[in-house]
Amino acid sequence: MAQKKVPHTFVIVFFIIVIAAVMTWFVEPGYYVKENFIENGIEKTELNFYYQDEIPEQLKADYHSEPQTWQVFSALFKGFEKQSSIIVFILIIGGAFWIMNKSHAIDMGIFSFLRFTRKLENIKLFKTLGVDNIIITLIMLLFSLFGAVFGMSEECIAFIIIIIPLAISMGYDSIVGVCMVYVAAHVGFAGAILNPFTIGIAQGIAEVPLFSGIGYRVFCWVVINVITIAFVLFYAKKVKKNPMSSIMYDEDAYWRTHSIDGQQEHEAIKCKNAWYVYAAILVAMTIFSFYYPTTTLNVGNSSMTAPFIPILTAIFAILGPLSLRKTVHNFILLILLYTIIYLIVGVMGYGWYVMEIATLFLVMGIASGLAIGKTASDIARLFIEGMSDILSAAVVVGLAGGIVIILQEGGIIDTILYGLSKSMTDLGKIASVEIMYAIQTIVNVVIPSGSAKAAITMPIMAPFSDLIGVCRQATVMAFQFGDGFTNMITPTSGVLIAALGVARVPYQKWFKWAWKFILLMIILGGLLLIPTVTMPLEGF
């Protein structure tokens, strides 16, 4: 009996677009409308829901929708427009890393790292705990902290290209690699401590002190990470014991043949061009040091000001020649390290987003190519090869954007939200906060943007929590958990689709692996919400 083939990811996404279009014929369109009013001499704004036929006459021109039919095809075009920044980001990242990969510097770095970790196995404590377990745990904690503190999301796409070859070299599969970066960052995002894009906006709308309640959120972050890391380590151990047990074994043939070329270390090489690249980067960093003598890094509601860029420039001036003494590979790894450091400084100090980050990695790729003696034409050809190699991932992101376009133009997103919010009437405190959590979880499927969802849902949830006697902090927590967990499985999340595309993990296989983990996280989130309504907590 022939095995039934799973449809291509493109087919699955288009099928979801068609389902969304069918829904627009049966769900009555409606909108939340912002209206201003005067109370005690102060102008205020409230969010009111109207079905399309009930919208005030003066506002009807701004709120119009119709059932979707042929738009399932135009939604693809509009989806590409909507997700254009992420698509371009993926293409540039793919091209930049393809150039760097041609130097084999990452291969050599991985071999050196693995040799170092093997030496640690001679230490009894590390051998008992398992060196690989320690590596996976530390990497996951790092990215989780990034997600919890400054809301790392799109930024983790670039790191997947680095971490998956490491995971494969350690004897794991691409799913473990995705977990080490993407899942870790989004678990941190869900258990956010100081995330300004979710906690900051939600607490601001709910009118509670910014980043208050941090004590319990830190506890939740720890619990969520312990469960997540244990889950990933259990799976990783199973894959390492029997690599063919991985559902990604066949697809990972790409990484096994491309990540570490021939499983042989490459010879150390020297190139005079690398010194010119070093000088050019040093000059550029020196100029930046004069323009930005101090940088203020914002972490939640706190900030720290210091001459970060001048310090980084001085360290680069010393490390550059040292790295070039033995091989150009070390210098290229130094460029990669500085790219990551500048990414962190840029995001936390200057509010960088995908455009600035993509530009940074583009410069990294060009510098890497010049350092190994490639001509401008060679670099251009390699860049095009890299974009071609990752093109399918970029296309899927555009297709996924079409799902949200159909729901928006059909006018049913707000209607779905309104219907869910009405289900909370006449319930107890615990049941009410759990229903809020369920609503946020469901809404996250159609509105994966945390900041957008906070702007729509919190003006409704916060006043309702007052009526039923639930503190607004509990409402914020329900939003926080509901926003985070399903991001890791919903096909409307551009970041998820992009991460899977870069990792070459088909969505259907990811879903097959991830649904049990996501269900576990959703249940855990519900349990962690109970204390917010049953006992007084510090900061609430």
Protein backbone atom coordinates (compact mmCIF):
# COMPACT_ATOMS: atom_id res chain seq x y z
CA MET A 1 0.00 0.00 0.00
CA ALA A 2 1.51 3.33 -1.08
CA GLN A 3 2.22 5.82 1.67
CA LYS A 4 -0.01 8.88 1.48
CA LYS A 5 2.01 12.00 0.71
CA VAL A 6 1.69 15.09 2.87
CA PRO A 7 0.80 18.18 0.78
CA HIS A 8 3.48 20.75 0.09
CA THR A 9 3.69 23.64 2.58
CA PHE A 10 2.52 26.05 -0.14
CA VAL A 11 -0.62 23.93 -0.62
CA ILE A 12 -1.35 23.81 3.11
CA VAL A 13 -1.06 27.59 3.48
CA PHE A 14 -3.26 28.22 0.42
CA PHE A 15 -5.85 25.79 1.81
CA ILE A 16 -5.96 27.82 5.04
CA ILE A 17 -6.44 30.99 2.97
CA VAL A 18 -9.45 29.36 1.27
CA ILE A 19 -10.93 28.35 4.67
CA ALA A 20 -10.52 31.95 5.88
CA ALA A 21 -12.31 33.19 2.77
CA VAL A 22 -15.21 30.75 3.36
CA MET A 23 -15.53 32.06 6.94
CA THR A 24 -16.09 35.60 5.63
CA TRP A 25 -19.36 34.39 4.07
CA PHE A 26 -20.77 33.07 7.35
CA VAL A 27 -19.36 35.40 10.03
CA GLU A 28 -20.94 38.85 10.19
CA PRO A 29 -18.29 41.56 9.76
CA GLY A 30 -17.73 44.02 12.57
CA TYR A 31 -15.17 46.49 13.90
CA TYR A 32 -13.82 47.95 17.09
CA VAL A 33 -13.98 51.70 16.65
CA LYS A 34 -12.03 54.24 18.70
CA GLU A 35 -14.27 57.08 19.85
CA ASN A 36 -13.31 60.16 21.83
CA PHE A 37 -15.43 61.58 24.66
CA ILE A 38 -15.11 64.18 27.42
CA GLU A 39 -15.26 63.09 31.08
CA ASN A 40 -14.79 65.65 33.88
CA GLY A 41 -13.23 68.03 31.40
CA ILE A 42 -10.68 65.45 30.23
CA GLU A 43 -10.71 64.00 26.73
CA LYS A 44 -10.62 60.19 26.76
CA THR A 45 -10.79 57.42 24.18
CA GLU A 46 -12.82 54.22 24.34
CA LEU A 47 -13.07 51.21 22.05
CA ASN A 48 -16.62 50.31 21.00
CA PHE A 49 -17.71 47.38 18.85
CA TYR A 50 -20.12 47.79 15.95
CA TYR A 51 -21.33 45.31 13.41
CA GLN A 52 -20.81 46.72 9.93
CA ASP A 53 -24.45 47.77 9.51
CA GLU A 54 -24.41 49.59 12.87
CA ILE A 55 -21.31 51.75 12.34
CA PRO A 56 -22.10 55.49 12.71
CA GLU A 57 -22.75 57.11 9.34
CA GLN A 58 -19.77 59.47 9.59
CA LEU A 59 -17.40 56.51 10.04
CA LYS A 60 -18.77 54.06 7.48
CA ALA A 61 -16.36 55.17 4.76
CA ASP A 62 -13.44 53.97 6.90
CA TYR A 63 -14.93 50.58 7.78
CA HIS A 64 -16.07 48.46 4.89
CA SER A 65 -15.66 44.79 4.06
CA GLU A 66 -17.19 42.12 1.85
CA PRO A 67 -17.14 38.33 1.61
CA GLN A 68 -13.93 37.11 -0.03
CA THR A 69 -13.94 35.08 -3.27
CA TRP A 70 -11.33 35.74 -5.99
CA GLN A 71 -9.40 37.67 -3.34
CA VAL A 72 -7.82 34.36 -2.25
CA PHE A 73 -5.45 34.95 -5.18
CA SER A 74 -4.87 38.67 -4.70
CA ALA A 75 -4.25 37.91 -1.02
CA LEU A 76 -1.00 36.28 -2.07
CA PHE A 77 0.21 39.54 -3.60
CA LYS A 78 -0.95 41.57 -0.62
CA GLY A 79 0.58 39.03 1.72
CA PHE A 80 3.93 39.62 0.06
CA GLU A 81 3.42 43.37 0.51
CA LYS A 82 2.46 42.95 4.16
CA GLN A 83 5.44 40.73 4.95
CA SER A 84 7.86 42.46 2.57
CA SER A 85 10.28 43.51 5.31
CA ILE A 86 10.58 39.94 6.64
CA ILE A 87 10.92 38.53 3.10
CA VAL A 88 13.74 40.93 2.20
CA PHE A 89 15.33 40.25 5.58
CA ILE A 90 15.37 36.49 4.89
CA LEU A 91 16.84 36.94 1.40
CA ILE A 92 19.63 39.24 2.61
CA ILE A 93 20.45 36.98 5.56
CA GLY A 94 20.55 33.95 3.25
CA GLY A 95 22.84 35.69 0.77
CA ALA A 96 25.16 37.06 3.47
CA PHE A 97 25.60 33.72 5.22
CA TRP A 98 26.15 31.91 1.92
CA ILE A 99 29.16 34.16 1.31
CA MET A 100 30.47 33.57 4.83
CA ASN A 101 29.89 29.80 4.55
CA LYS A 102 32.12 29.70 1.44
CA SER A 103 35.04 30.71 3.68
CA HIS A 104 34.40 27.59 5.84
CA ALA A 105 35.08 29.76 8.90
CA ILE A 106 31.90 28.58 10.64
CA ASP A 107 32.86 24.95 9.91
CA MET A 108 36.23 25.46 11.56
CA GLY A 109 34.63 27.29 14.47
CA ILE A 110 32.24 24.40 15.05
CA PHE A 111 35.06 21.86 14.93
CA SER A 112 37.08 23.90 17.43
CA PHE A 113 34.07 24.22 19.72
CA LEU A 114 33.34 20.49 19.56
CA ARG A 115 36.99 19.67 20.32
CA PHE A 116 36.83 21.94 23.36
CA THR A 117 33.61 20.36 24.62
CA ARG A 118 35.07 16.85 24.20
CA LYS A 119 37.91 17.88 26.51
CA LEU A 120 35.38 18.92 29.13
CA GLU A 121 34.17 15.33 29.29
CA ASN A 122 37.37 14.52 31.18
CA ILE A 123 36.01 16.56 34.09
CA LYS A 124 33.81 14.33 36.23
CA LEU A 125 31.08 16.92 36.90
CA PHE A 126 30.66 17.78 33.21
CA LYS A 127 30.73 14.12 32.24
CA THR A 128 27.98 13.34 34.77
CA LEU A 129 25.74 16.20 33.61
CA GLY A 130 26.56 15.65 29.95
CA VAL A 131 28.51 18.31 28.06
CA ASP A 132 25.96 18.43 25.22
CA ASN A 133 23.14 18.90 27.75
CA ILE A 134 25.00 21.85 29.26
CA ILE A 135 25.57 23.41 25.82
CA ILE A 136 21.89 23.08 24.81
CA THR A 137 20.74 24.44 28.18
CA LEU A 138 23.05 27.48 28.15
CA ILE A 139 22.20 28.42 24.56
CA MET A 140 18.47 28.09 25.23
CA LEU A 141 18.68 30.17 28.42
CA LEU A 142 20.58 32.89 26.55
CA PHE A 143 17.98 33.20 23.78
CA SER A 144 15.11 32.87 26.25
CA LEU A 145 16.55 35.78 28.21
CA PHE A 146 16.74 37.82 25.00
CA GLY A 147 13.06 37.06 24.34
CA ALA A 148 12.03 37.87 27.91
CA VAL A 149 13.95 41.12 28.22
CA PHE A 150 13.86 42.88 24.84
CA GLY A 151 11.41 40.76 22.89
CA MET A 152 13.72 38.94 20.49
CA SER A 153 11.61 37.49 17.70
CA GLU A 154 12.54 38.25 14.09
CA GLU A 155 16.18 38.61 15.16
CA CYS A 156 16.47 34.90 15.97
CA ILE A 157 16.07 33.95 12.29
CA ALA A 158 19.67 34.92 11.60
CA PHE A 159 20.98 32.78 14.46
CA ILE A 160 19.24 29.63 13.22
CA ILE A 161 21.70 29.43 10.32
CA ILE A 162 24.54 29.32 12.87
CA ILE A 163 23.02 27.00 15.47
CA ILE A 164 21.54 24.28 13.23
CA PRO A 165 24.96 23.25 11.82
CA LEU A 166 26.16 23.06 15.43
CA ALA A 167 23.21 20.86 16.42
CA ILE A 168 23.75 18.57 13.43
CA SER A 169 27.47 18.31 14.23
CA MET A 170 26.64 17.31 17.80
CA GLY A 171 24.52 14.41 16.51
CA TYR A 172 21.07 16.00 16.78
CA ASP A 173 18.57 17.15 14.14
CA SER A 174 17.33 20.46 12.79
CA ILE A 175 14.38 20.48 15.19
CA VAL A 176 16.79 20.57 18.14
CA GLY A 177 18.56 23.46 16.40
CA VAL A 178 15.27 25.34 15.97
CA CYS A 179 14.45 24.71 19.64
CA MET A 180 17.82 26.05 20.79
CA VAL A 181 17.13 29.41 19.13
CA TYR A 182 13.55 30.00 17.98
CA VAL A 183 11.65 28.04 20.66
CA ALA A 184 13.91 29.35 23.42
CA ALA A 185 13.41 32.97 22.32
CA HIS A 186 9.64 32.57 22.04
CA VAL A 187 9.30 30.75 25.34
CA GLY A 188 11.11 33.75 26.79
CA PHE A 189 8.73 36.00 24.84
CA ALA A 190 5.77 34.17 26.39
CA GLY A 191 7.21 34.29 29.91
CA ALA A 192 8.28 37.89 29.37
CA ILE A 193 9.97 39.73 32.21
CA LEU A 194 10.56 43.18 30.70
CA ASN A 195 9.43 42.75 27.08
CA PRO A 196 8.40 46.26 25.95
CA PHE A 197 6.41 44.94 22.95
CA THR A 198 4.00 42.89 25.07
CA ILE A 199 4.27 43.65 28.79
CA GLY A 200 5.08 47.31 28.25
CA ILE A 201 2.16 47.99 25.88
CA ALA A 202 -0.35 45.78 27.73
CA GLN A 203 0.41 47.31 31.15
CA GLY A 204 0.33 50.80 29.68
CA ILE A 205 -3.15 50.23 28.22
CA ALA A 206 -4.32 48.51 31.43
CA GLU A 207 -3.08 51.54 33.39
CA VAL A 208 -0.94 49.61 35.85
CA PRO A 209 2.65 50.60 36.78
CA LEU A 210 5.01 49.76 33.93
CA PHE A 211 6.78 46.40 34.42
CA SER A 212 5.21 45.95 37.86
CA GLY A 213 4.55 42.39 39.03
CA ILE A 214 8.03 41.41 37.91
CA GLY A 215 8.59 39.03 40.84
CA TYR A 216 5.91 36.56 39.81
CA ARG A 217 6.77 36.91 36.12
CA VAL A 218 10.38 35.93 36.87
CA PHE A 219 9.05 32.86 38.69
CA CYS A 220 6.87 31.99 35.68
CA TRP A 221 9.81 32.48 33.31
CA VAL A 222 11.93 30.06 35.35
CA VAL A 223 9.18 27.40 35.50
CA ILE A 224 8.42 27.65 31.78
CA ASN A 225 12.11 27.38 30.88
CA VAL A 226 12.71 24.39 33.14
CA ILE A 227 9.84 22.49 31.49
CA THR A 228 10.88 23.55 27.97
CA ILE A 229 14.56 22.65 28.36
CA ALA A 230 13.66 19.29 29.94
CA PHE A 231 11.34 18.55 26.99
CA VAL A 232 14.01 19.46 24.42
CA LEU A 233 16.77 17.52 26.22
CA PHE A 234 14.56 14.42 26.36
CA TYR A 235 13.91 14.66 22.62
CA ALA A 236 17.58 15.42 21.86
CA LYS A 237 18.71 12.34 23.80
CA LYS A 238 16.30 10.18 21.81
CA VAL A 239 17.57 11.54 18.47
CA LYS A 240 21.23 11.16 19.41
CA LYS A 241 20.63 7.55 20.44
CA ASN A 242 18.88 6.77 17.15
CA PRO A 243 19.27 9.54 14.51
CA MET A 244 16.81 7.77 12.17
CA SER A 245 14.06 8.18 14.78
CA SER A 246 13.96 11.89 13.89
CA ILE A 247 11.09 12.90 11.60
CA MET A 248 13.62 15.22 9.96
CA TYR A 249 16.22 12.55 9.19
CA ASP A 250 15.72 12.64 5.41
CA GLU A 251 15.45 16.43 5.14
CA ASP A 252 18.53 16.91 7.34
CA ALA A 253 20.63 15.28 4.63
CA TYR A 254 20.98 18.86 3.32
CA TRP A 255 22.57 20.03 6.58
CA ARG A 256 24.72 16.92 6.90
CA THR A 257 26.23 17.54 3.46
CA HIS A 258 26.33 21.37 3.50
CA SER A 259 27.08 22.31 7.09
CA ILE A 260 30.42 20.59 7.59
CA ASP A 261 32.02 20.00 4.21
CA GLY A 262 33.10 16.38 4.08
CA GLN A 263 33.33 16.28 7.87
CA GLN A 264 36.98 17.38 7.46
CA GLU A 265 38.61 20.44 8.90
CA HIS A 266 39.83 22.99 6.38
CA GLU A 267 43.40 24.19 6.19
CA ALA A 268 44.34 27.45 7.84
CA ILE A 269 44.80 30.15 5.20
CA LYS A 270 46.14 33.68 5.13
CA CYS A 271 45.03 36.41 2.78
CA LYS A 272 46.47 39.92 2.43
CA ASN A 273 43.01 41.26 1.59
CA ALA A 274 41.89 40.43 5.14
CA TRP A 275 44.23 43.10 6.50
CA TYR A 276 42.63 45.69 4.23
CA VAL A 277 39.19 44.58 5.44
CA TYR A 278 40.39 44.85 9.04
CA ALA A 279 41.67 48.40 8.41
CA ALA A 280 38.42 49.46 6.70
CA ILE A 281 36.24 48.08 9.52
CA LEU A 282 38.46 49.71 12.14
CA VAL A 283 38.23 53.10 10.39
CA ALA A 284 34.42 52.77 10.16
CA MET A 285 34.12 51.78 13.82
CA THR A 286 36.40 54.68 14.84
CA ILE A 287 34.16 57.13 12.98
CA PHE A 288 31.08 55.62 14.66
CA SER A 289 32.83 56.02 18.02
CA PHE A 290 33.04 59.79 17.46
CA TYR A 291 29.42 60.01 16.33
CA TYR A 292 28.16 57.80 19.17
CA PRO A 293 30.55 58.34 22.11
CA THR A 294 27.96 56.94 24.53
CA THR A 295 25.06 54.52 24.14
CA THR A 296 22.08 54.03 26.42
CA LEU A 297 20.95 50.40 26.56
CA ASN A 298 17.30 50.10 27.58
CA VAL A 299 16.32 46.99 29.53
CA GLY A 300 12.68 47.14 30.47
CA ASN A 301 12.16 50.26 32.58
CA SER A 302 15.85 50.53 33.38
CA SER A 303 18.72 51.89 31.32
CA MET A 304 22.50 51.92 31.35
CA THR A 305 24.68 54.50 29.60
CA ALA A 306 28.31 53.80 28.73
CA PRO A 307 30.80 54.31 25.86
CA PHE A 308 29.96 50.89 24.40
CA ILE A 309 30.96 51.60 20.79
CA PRO A 310 34.37 53.16 21.63
CA ILE A 311 35.09 50.19 23.93
CA LEU A 312 34.10 47.70 21.22
CA THR A 313 36.30 49.59 18.73
CA ALA A 314 39.32 49.46 21.03
CA ILE A 315 38.86 45.72 21.62
CA PHE A 316 38.48 45.10 17.87
CA ALA A 317 41.71 47.02 17.21
CA ILE A 318 43.53 44.52 19.44
CA LEU A 319 41.70 41.29 18.50
CA GLY A 320 41.84 41.89 14.74
CA PRO A 321 45.61 41.44 14.29
CA LEU A 322 45.66 38.60 16.81
CA SER A 323 42.99 36.72 14.87
CA LEU A 324 44.79 37.29 11.56
CA ARG A 325 48.12 35.93 12.75
CA LYS A 326 47.13 32.28 12.29
CA THR A 327 44.29 32.14 9.75
CA VAL A 328 41.73 34.35 8.07
CA HIS A 329 39.02 32.01 9.43
CA ASN A 330 39.58 33.37 12.93
CA PHE A 331 39.15 36.91 11.63
CA ILE A 332 35.89 36.04 9.89
CA LEU A 333 34.60 34.47 13.12
CA LEU A 334 35.56 37.73 14.85
CA ILE A 335 33.46 39.61 12.28
CA LEU A 336 30.55 37.26 13.02
CA LEU A 337 30.96 37.81 16.77
CA TYR A 338 30.99 41.59 16.34
CA THR A 339 27.93 41.38 14.08
CA ILE A 340 26.05 39.65 16.90
CA ILE A 341 27.30 42.13 19.52
CA TYR A 342 26.35 45.10 17.36
CA LEU A 343 22.94 43.53 16.78
CA ILE A 344 22.33 43.44 20.54
CA VAL A 345 23.62 46.99 21.04
CA GLY A 346 21.58 48.23 18.10
CA VAL A 347 18.33 46.60 19.23
CA MET A 348 18.65 47.62 22.88
CA GLY A 349 20.31 51.01 22.35
CA TYR A 350 18.96 52.37 19.09
CA GLY A 351 15.72 50.50 18.45
CA TRP A 352 16.98 48.61 15.42
CA TYR A 353 14.56 46.39 13.55
CA VAL A 354 14.79 44.12 10.52
CA MET A 355 16.10 46.78 8.08
CA GLU A 356 19.08 47.71 10.24
CA ILE A 357 19.79 44.11 11.20
CA ALA A 358 19.66 42.96 7.56
CA THR A 359 22.04 45.79 6.62
CA LEU A 360 24.42 44.71 9.37
CA PHE A 361 24.49 41.11 8.12
CA LEU A 362 24.90 42.27 4.52
CA VAL A 363 28.04 44.16 5.52
CA MET A 364 29.20 41.03 7.38
CA GLY A 365 28.78 38.93 4.22
CA ILE A 366 30.60 41.41 1.98
CA ALA A 367 33.45 41.79 4.49
CA SER A 368 33.78 37.99 4.74
CA GLY A 369 33.95 37.63 0.97
CA LEU A 370 36.61 40.34 0.60
CA ALA A 371 38.62 38.87 3.47
CA ILE A 372 39.06 35.56 1.62
CA GLY A 373 40.09 37.27 -1.59
CA LYS A 374 36.80 37.13 -3.53
CA THR A 375 36.23 39.76 -6.21
CA ALA A 376 33.14 41.97 -6.28
CA SER A 377 31.65 39.81 -9.03
CA ASP A 378 32.36 36.64 -7.06
CA ILE A 379 30.61 38.11 -4.00
CA ALA A 380 27.60 39.13 -6.12
CA ARG A 381 27.31 35.61 -7.58
CA LEU A 382 27.57 34.01 -4.13
CA PHE A 383 24.97 36.42 -2.77
CA ILE A 384 22.52 35.46 -5.53
CA GLU A 385 23.20 31.77 -4.89
CA GLY A 386 22.41 32.28 -1.20
CA MET A 387 19.16 34.09 -1.96
CA SER A 388 18.16 31.35 -4.41
CA ASP A 389 18.88 28.70 -1.81
CA ILE A 390 16.54 30.31 0.72
CA LEU A 391 13.91 31.66 -1.69
CA SER A 392 11.27 29.05 -0.79
CA ALA A 393 11.34 30.21 2.84
CA ALA A 394 10.72 33.79 1.77
CA VAL A 395 7.82 32.75 -0.47
CA VAL A 396 6.08 30.84 2.33
CA VAL A 397 6.25 33.95 4.55
CA GLY A 398 4.43 35.93 1.86
CA LEU A 399 1.81 33.21 1.43
CA ALA A 400 1.17 33.08 5.19
CA GLY A 401 0.62 36.85 5.19
CA GLY A 402 -2.30 36.26 2.83
CA ILE A 403 -4.26 34.48 5.58
CA VAL A 404 -4.41 37.61 7.72
CA ILE A 405 -5.19 39.75 4.67
CA ILE A 406 -8.31 37.67 3.91
CA LEU A 407 -9.53 37.87 7.53
CA GLN A 408 -8.93 41.62 7.63
CA GLU A 409 -10.59 42.42 4.32
CA GLY A 410 -13.46 40.12 5.21
CA GLY A 411 -13.92 42.18 8.39
CA ILE A 412 -14.24 39.18 10.70
CA ILE A 413 -11.21 39.47 13.02
CA ASP A 414 -12.91 41.93 15.36
CA THR A 415 -16.19 40.00 15.17
CA ILE A 416 -14.45 36.83 16.33
CA LEU A 417 -12.81 38.75 19.18
CA TYR A 418 -16.11 40.34 20.23
CA GLY A 419 -17.90 36.99 20.25
CA LEU A 420 -15.19 35.45 22.40
CA SER A 421 -15.22 38.33 24.91
CA LYS A 422 -18.99 37.95 25.44
CA SER A 423 -18.43 34.37 26.62
CA MET A 424 -16.91 35.63 29.89
CA THR A 425 -20.10 36.87 31.51
CA ASP A 426 -21.35 35.33 34.79
CA LEU A 427 -18.22 33.28 35.52
CA GLY A 428 -16.09 33.03 38.67
CA LYS A 429 -12.69 34.70 38.96
CA ILE A 430 -10.57 31.70 38.04
CA ALA A 431 -12.86 30.70 35.19
CA SER A 432 -12.92 34.28 33.91
CA VAL A 433 -9.16 34.68 33.82
CA GLU A 434 -8.83 31.28 32.14
CA ILE A 435 -11.42 32.32 29.54
CA MET A 436 -9.41 35.52 28.97
CA TYR A 437 -6.36 33.34 28.46
CA ALA A 438 -8.23 31.09 26.02
CA ILE A 439 -9.47 34.12 24.08
CA GLN A 440 -5.99 35.59 23.82
CA THR A 441 -4.69 32.20 22.69
CA ILE A 442 -7.34 31.89 19.97
CA VAL A 443 -6.99 35.51 18.86
CA ASN A 444 -3.23 34.99 18.55
CA VAL A 445 -3.91 32.60 15.67
CA VAL A 446 -5.38 35.42 13.56
CA ILE A 447 -3.39 38.34 15.08
CA PRO A 448 0.12 37.03 15.79
CA SER A 449 1.51 40.53 16.46
CA GLY A 450 1.74 41.00 20.24
CA SER A 451 1.64 44.80 20.13
CA ALA A 452 -1.34 44.87 17.74
CA LYS A 453 -3.23 42.33 19.83
CA ALA A 454 -2.55 44.30 23.03
CA ALA A 455 -3.95 47.44 21.40
CA ILE A 456 -7.15 45.62 20.43
CA THR A 457 -7.80 43.29 23.37
CA MET A 458 -6.52 45.09 26.46
CA PRO A 459 -8.98 48.04 26.29
CA ILE A 460 -11.75 45.38 26.47
CA MET A 461 -10.21 42.97 28.97
CA ALA A 462 -8.88 45.49 31.50
CA PRO A 463 -12.22 47.19 32.36
CA PHE A 464 -13.99 43.81 32.31
CA SER A 465 -11.52 42.47 34.92
CA ASP A 466 -12.58 45.33 37.23
CA LEU A 467 -16.23 44.30 36.95
CA ILE A 468 -15.56 40.68 37.94
CA GLY A 469 -13.03 41.51 40.67
CA VAL A 470 -9.92 40.19 38.92
CA CYS A 471 -6.82 42.37 39.19
CA ARG A 472 -5.58 43.92 35.97
CA GLN A 473 -2.17 42.30 36.40
CA ALA A 474 -3.85 38.91 36.03
CA THR A 475 -5.39 40.16 32.80
CA VAL A 476 -1.95 41.21 31.57
CA MET A 477 -0.58 37.75 32.43
CA ALA A 478 -3.44 36.11 30.51
CA PHE A 479 -2.55 38.27 27.52
CA GLN A 480 1.15 37.50 27.91
CA PHE A 481 0.74 33.71 27.92
CA GLY A 482 -1.95 33.76 25.24
CA ASP A 483 0.25 35.84 22.99
CA GLY A 484 3.37 33.72 23.33
CA PHE A 485 2.75 29.99 23.15
CA THR A 486 0.66 29.64 19.98
CA ASN A 487 3.12 31.86 18.07
CA MET A 488 5.26 28.72 17.90
CA ILE A 489 2.70 26.76 15.88
CA THR A 490 0.27 29.10 14.08
CA PRO A 491 0.85 29.35 10.30
CA THR A 492 -0.10 33.05 10.40
CA SER A 493 3.13 33.85 12.27
CA GLY A 494 5.56 35.19 9.72
CA VAL A 495 8.49 34.68 12.07
CA LEU A 496 7.66 30.99 12.58
CA ILE A 497 7.27 30.34 8.86
CA ALA A 498 10.51 32.22 8.19
CA ALA A 499 12.40 30.32 10.90
CA LEU A 500 11.17 26.97 9.60
CA GLY A 501 12.02 27.96 6.06
CA VAL A 502 15.58 28.92 6.99
CA ALA A 503 15.90 25.67 8.96
CA ARG A 504 14.39 23.67 6.06
CA VAL A 505 11.78 22.14 8.35
CA PRO A 506 8.43 21.59 6.54
CA TYR A 507 5.54 23.13 8.47
CA GLN A 508 3.58 19.87 8.56
CA LYS A 509 6.52 18.07 10.20
CA TRP A 510 7.00 20.90 12.65
CA PHE A 511 3.32 20.74 13.58
CA LYS A 512 3.57 16.99 14.08
CA TRP A 513 6.49 17.47 16.47
CA ALA A 514 5.39 20.67 18.19
CA TRP A 515 1.69 20.21 18.98
CA LYS A 516 2.29 18.13 22.12
CA PHE A 517 4.83 20.65 23.40
CA ILE A 518 2.52 23.61 22.68
CA LEU A 519 -0.38 21.84 24.42
CA LEU A 520 1.86 21.29 27.45
CA MET A 521 2.80 24.99 27.46
CA ILE A 522 -0.84 26.09 27.18
CA ILE A 523 -1.81 23.89 30.14
CA LEU A 524 1.18 25.17 32.13
CA GLY A 525 0.17 28.76 31.38
CA GLY A 526 -3.34 28.08 32.68
CA LEU A 527 -1.94 26.65 35.93
CA LEU A 528 0.40 29.61 36.42
CA LEU A 529 -2.56 31.99 36.09
CA ILE A 530 -4.41 30.50 39.08
CA PRO A 531 -2.22 32.15 41.77
CA THR A 532 -2.92 35.57 40.23
CA VAL A 533 -6.54 35.36 41.44
CA THR A 534 -6.27 33.11 44.51
CA MET A 535 -3.57 34.79 46.57
CA PRO A 536 -1.97 38.20 47.02
CA LEU A 537 1.31 38.40 45.11
CA GLU A 538 4.07 40.94 45.51
CA GLY A 539 3.81 43.65 42.90
CA PHE A 540 0.22 42.82 41.94
